[in-house]
Amino acid sequence: MAATVEQPTVRRVAHCRRCAGWLISAGSVNAGIGPTCAARERAEQRAAGVVSLTLFDVAA
């Protein structure tokens, strides 16, 4: 009987820059912020007048 050698799974993880929660998905790790915090950050920027809305923002 052949012995199987299991390799450990390695994942990149990071902390969200806004809430310090764990980020697991590759996109969130690369961005440095989770999807919920990113949406809240965009809403706060819009409320402050920093970011203007585009057609794609309105449709979503």
C-alpha atoms as a PDB file:
ATOM      1  CA  MET A   1       0.000   0.000   0.000  1.00  0.00           C
ATOM      2  CA  ALA A   2       1.442   3.364  -1.050  1.00  0.00           C
ATOM      3  CA  ALA A   3       1.574   6.115   1.518  1.00  0.00           C
ATOM      4  CA  THR A   4       0.092   9.422   0.414  1.00  0.00           C
ATOM      5  CA  VAL A   5       1.870  12.564   1.435  1.00  0.00           C
ATOM      6  CA  GLU A   6      -0.501  15.443   1.994  1.00  0.00           C
ATOM      7  CA  GLN A   7       0.911  18.880   1.329  1.00  0.00           C
ATOM      8  CA  PRO A   8      -0.313  21.731   3.517  1.00  0.00           C
ATOM      9  CA  THR A   9      -2.494  24.337   1.843  1.00  0.00           C
ATOM     10  CA  VAL A  10      -1.009  27.813   1.870  1.00  0.00           C
ATOM     11  CA  ARG A  11      -3.238  30.870   1.546  1.00  0.00           C
ATOM     12  CA  ARG A  12      -2.439  34.555   1.669  1.00  0.00           C
ATOM     13  CA  VAL A  13      -4.464  36.347   4.289  1.00  0.00           C
ATOM     14  CA  ALA A  14      -4.383  39.902   5.580  1.00  0.00           C
ATOM     15  CA  HIS A  15      -6.258  42.281   7.845  1.00  0.00           C
ATOM     16  CA  CYS A  16      -8.780  44.783   6.499  1.00  0.00           C
ATOM     17  CA  ARG A  17      -7.426  48.322   6.684  1.00  0.00           C
ATOM     18  CA  ARG A  18     -10.803  49.582   7.930  1.00  0.00           C
ATOM     19  CA  CYS A  19     -12.073  47.023  10.465  1.00  0.00           C
ATOM     20  CA  ALA A  20      -9.002  44.795  10.976  1.00  0.00           C
ATOM     21  CA  GLY A  21     -11.055  41.700  10.118  1.00  0.00           C
ATOM     22  CA  TRP A  22      -9.449  38.782   8.315  1.00  0.00           C
ATOM     23  CA  LEU A  23      -9.363  38.947   4.517  1.00  0.00           C
ATOM     24  CA  ILE A  24      -9.255  35.588   2.760  1.00  0.00           C
ATOM     25  CA  SER A  25     -10.283  36.140  -0.877  1.00  0.00           C
ATOM     26  CA  ALA A  26      -7.467  37.038  -3.267  1.00  0.00           C
ATOM     27  CA  GLY A  27      -9.192  40.204  -4.485  1.00  0.00           C
ATOM     28  CA  SER A  28      -9.774  41.504  -0.984  1.00  0.00           C
ATOM     29  CA  VAL A  29      -6.227  40.675   0.102  1.00  0.00           C
ATOM     30  CA  ASN A  30      -4.844  42.556  -2.914  1.00  0.00           C
ATOM     31  CA  ALA A  31      -7.121  45.557  -2.282  1.00  0.00           C
ATOM     32  CA  GLY A  32      -6.441  45.542   1.444  1.00  0.00           C
ATOM     33  CA  ILE A  33     -10.126  45.969   2.275  1.00  0.00           C
ATOM     34  CA  GLY A  34     -13.138  43.670   2.425  1.00  0.00           C
ATOM     35  CA  PRO A  35     -16.217  44.095   0.215  1.00  0.00           C
ATOM     36  CA  THR A  36     -18.494  45.371   3.000  1.00  0.00           C
ATOM     37  CA  CYS A  37     -15.957  47.896   4.226  1.00  0.00           C
ATOM     38  CA  ALA A  38     -15.229  48.981   0.631  1.00  0.00           C
ATOM     39  CA  ALA A  39     -18.929  49.670   0.040  1.00  0.00           C
ATOM     40  CA  ARG A  40     -19.165  51.655   3.278  1.00  0.00           C
ATOM     41  CA  GLU A  41     -16.022  53.601   2.401  1.00  0.00           C
ATOM     42  CA  ARG A  42     -17.415  54.488  -1.045  1.00  0.00           C
ATOM     43  CA  ALA A  43     -20.716  55.604   0.526  1.00  0.00           C
ATOM     44  CA  GLU A  44     -18.878  57.821   3.005  1.00  0.00           C
ATOM     45  CA  GLN A  45     -16.786  59.351   0.209  1.00  0.00           C
ATOM     46  CA  ARG A  46     -19.927  60.031  -1.842  1.00  0.00           C
ATOM     47  CA  ALA A  47     -21.610  61.656   1.173  1.00  0.00           C
ATOM     48  CA  ALA A  48     -18.556  63.856   1.691  1.00  0.00           C
ATOM     49  CA  GLY A  49     -18.615  64.847  -1.997  1.00  0.00           C
ATOM     50  CA  VAL A  50     -15.210  63.317  -2.696  1.00  0.00           C
ATOM     51  CA  VAL A  51     -16.411  60.904  -5.382  1.00  0.00           C
ATOM     52  CA  SER A  52     -18.978  61.635  -8.055  1.00  0.00           C
ATOM     53  CA  LEU A  53     -21.429  58.967  -9.200  1.00  0.00           C
ATOM     54  CA  THR A  54     -21.068  57.337 -12.582  1.00  0.00           C
ATOM     55  CA  LEU A  55     -23.712  55.587 -14.637  1.00  0.00           C
ATOM     56  CA  PHE A  56     -22.372  52.230 -13.464  1.00  0.00           C
ATOM     57  CA  ASP A  57     -22.681  53.229  -9.806  1.00  0.00           C
ATOM     58  CA  VAL A  58     -26.299  54.254 -10.290  1.00  0.00           C
ATOM     59  CA  ALA A  59     -27.195  51.028 -12.126  1.00  0.00           C
ATOM     60  CA  ALA A  60     -25.716  48.864  -9.374  1.00  0.00           C
END
